[in-house]
Amino acid sequence: MKFEIDKGILKATDKCRKNFSCLDGDKGCMCEIEDHFNNSIYFIKPLDYGICDYRMSFGYSYICNCPTRKEIYKRYNA
């Protein structure tokens, strides 16, 4: 399933190193969202510990700051 995301959100995702491969429906490139707070803070289970400009360490957890990933979760619960 391909994901449709507003162009403004894609433009805000200006540090994507994976060339928006998540938009093709490849869930293998997206970190799993474990929980969220008020649809603004998303706690994730990282796929790997490689470089991601949107992953932020938060104690023993990680937070996703990727505008596109957040929108995919909001719209498609994926």
C-alpha atoms as a PDB file:
ATOM      1  CA  MET A   1       0.000   0.000   0.000  1.00  0.00           C
ATOM      2  CA  LYS A   2       1.430   3.327  -1.012  1.00  0.00           C
ATOM      3  CA  PHE A   3       1.005   6.260   1.319  1.00  0.00           C
ATOM      4  CA  GLU A   4      -0.229   9.680   0.217  1.00  0.00           C
ATOM      5  CA  ILE A   5       1.290  12.554   2.210  1.00  0.00           C
ATOM      6  CA  ASP A   6       0.778  16.292   1.744  1.00  0.00           C
ATOM      7  CA  LYS A   7       3.579  18.052  -0.117  1.00  0.00           C
ATOM      8  CA  GLY A   8       4.093  20.506   2.752  1.00  0.00           C
ATOM      9  CA  ILE A   9       4.895  17.659   5.121  1.00  0.00           C
ATOM     10  CA  LEU A  10       7.254  16.085   2.602  1.00  0.00           C
ATOM     11  CA  LYS A  11       8.999  19.410   2.158  1.00  0.00           C
ATOM     12  CA  ALA A  12       9.404  19.672   5.961  1.00  0.00           C
ATOM     13  CA  THR A  13      11.088  16.258   5.934  1.00  0.00           C
ATOM     14  CA  ASP A  14      14.265  17.683   4.485  1.00  0.00           C
ATOM     15  CA  LYS A  15      16.742  15.358   6.232  1.00  0.00           C
ATOM     16  CA  CYS A  16      15.475  12.000   4.947  1.00  0.00           C
ATOM     17  CA  ARG A  17      18.430   9.726   4.168  1.00  0.00           C
ATOM     18  CA  LYS A  18      16.238   6.904   2.847  1.00  0.00           C
ATOM     19  CA  ASN A  19      14.780   8.817  -0.102  1.00  0.00           C
ATOM     20  CA  PHE A  20      11.210   8.499   1.247  1.00  0.00           C
ATOM     21  CA  SER A  21      11.168   4.728   0.773  1.00  0.00           C
ATOM     22  CA  CYS A  22       8.421   4.593   3.419  1.00  0.00           C
ATOM     23  CA  LEU A  23       5.967   6.133   0.936  1.00  0.00           C
ATOM     24  CA  ASP A  24       6.105   3.008  -1.209  1.00  0.00           C
ATOM     25  CA  GLY A  25       4.486   1.065   1.616  1.00  0.00           C
ATOM     26  CA  ASP A  26       7.734  -0.615   2.619  1.00  0.00           C
ATOM     27  CA  LYS A  27       7.164  -0.921   6.353  1.00  0.00           C
ATOM     28  CA  GLY A  28      10.570  -2.538   6.669  1.00  0.00           C
ATOM     29  CA  CYS A  29      12.163   0.899   6.557  1.00  0.00           C
ATOM     30  CA  MET A  30       9.983   2.450   9.287  1.00  0.00           C
ATOM     31  CA  CYS A  31      10.628   2.298  13.000  1.00  0.00           C
ATOM     32  CA  GLU A  32       7.751   0.780  14.954  1.00  0.00           C
ATOM     33  CA  ILE A  33       5.733   3.297  16.944  1.00  0.00           C
ATOM     34  CA  GLU A  34       5.294   1.872  20.412  1.00  0.00           C
ATOM     35  CA  ASP A  35       3.292   4.692  21.969  1.00  0.00           C
ATOM     36  CA  HIS A  36       2.437   8.331  21.501  1.00  0.00           C
ATOM     37  CA  PHE A  37       1.442  11.278  23.604  1.00  0.00           C
ATOM     38  CA  ASN A  38      -1.244  13.641  22.365  1.00  0.00           C
ATOM     39  CA  ASN A  39      -0.454  12.825  18.704  1.00  0.00           C
ATOM     40  CA  SER A  40       2.694  14.914  18.909  1.00  0.00           C
ATOM     41  CA  ILE A  41       5.378  12.851  20.667  1.00  0.00           C
ATOM     42  CA  TYR A  42       5.980   9.410  19.185  1.00  0.00           C
ATOM     43  CA  PHE A  43       8.002   6.796  21.065  1.00  0.00           C
ATOM     44  CA  ILE A  44       9.583   4.292  18.714  1.00  0.00           C
ATOM     45  CA  LYS A  45      11.358   0.981  18.628  1.00  0.00           C
ATOM     46  CA  PRO A  46      14.235   1.629  16.219  1.00  0.00           C
ATOM     47  CA  LEU A  47      14.812  -0.780  13.363  1.00  0.00           C
ATOM     48  CA  ASP A  48      18.545  -0.502  13.773  1.00  0.00           C
ATOM     49  CA  TYR A  49      20.984   1.806  15.389  1.00  0.00           C
ATOM     50  CA  GLY A  50      22.270   3.349  12.170  1.00  0.00           C
ATOM     51  CA  ILE A  51      22.020   7.031  11.388  1.00  0.00           C
ATOM     52  CA  CYS A  52      18.603   8.692  11.353  1.00  0.00           C
ATOM     53  CA  ASP A  53      18.400  12.457  11.632  1.00  0.00           C
ATOM     54  CA  TYR A  54      14.891  12.243  13.081  1.00  0.00           C
ATOM     55  CA  ARG A  55      15.507   9.703  15.858  1.00  0.00           C
ATOM     56  CA  MET A  56      16.208  11.257  19.239  1.00  0.00           C
ATOM     57  CA  SER A  57      17.378   9.436  22.321  1.00  0.00           C
ATOM     58  CA  PHE A  58      15.141   9.969  25.343  1.00  0.00           C
ATOM     59  CA  GLY A  59      16.484   8.143  28.372  1.00  0.00           C
ATOM     60  CA  TYR A  60      16.165   4.450  27.579  1.00  0.00           C
ATOM     61  CA  SER A  61      13.704   5.151  24.762  1.00  0.00           C
ATOM     62  CA  TYR A  62      13.678   6.895  21.414  1.00  0.00           C
ATOM     63  CA  ILE A  63      11.434   9.571  19.966  1.00  0.00           C
ATOM     64  CA  CYS A  64      10.680  10.025  16.272  1.00  0.00           C
ATOM     65  CA  ASN A  65      10.678  13.585  14.957  1.00  0.00           C
ATOM     66  CA  CYS A  66      10.104  12.696  11.297  1.00  0.00           C
ATOM     67  CA  PRO A  67       7.130  14.685   9.969  1.00  0.00           C
ATOM     68  CA  THR A  68       6.415  12.080   7.283  1.00  0.00           C
ATOM     69  CA  ARG A  69       6.544   9.103   9.677  1.00  0.00           C
ATOM     70  CA  LYS A  70       4.229  10.882  12.100  1.00  0.00           C
ATOM     71  CA  GLU A  71       1.737  11.627   9.329  1.00  0.00           C
ATOM     72  CA  ILE A  72       1.791   8.019   8.102  1.00  0.00           C
ATOM     73  CA  TYR A  73       0.914   6.899  11.605  1.00  0.00           C
ATOM     74  CA  LYS A  74      -1.835   9.519  12.008  1.00  0.00           C
ATOM     75  CA  ARG A  75      -3.482   8.821   8.651  1.00  0.00           C
ATOM     76  CA  TYR A  76      -2.942   5.114   8.200  1.00  0.00           C
ATOM     77  CA  ASN A  77      -2.213   3.834  11.714  1.00  0.00           C
ATOM     78  CA  ALA A  78       0.811   2.129  10.204  1.00  0.00           C
END
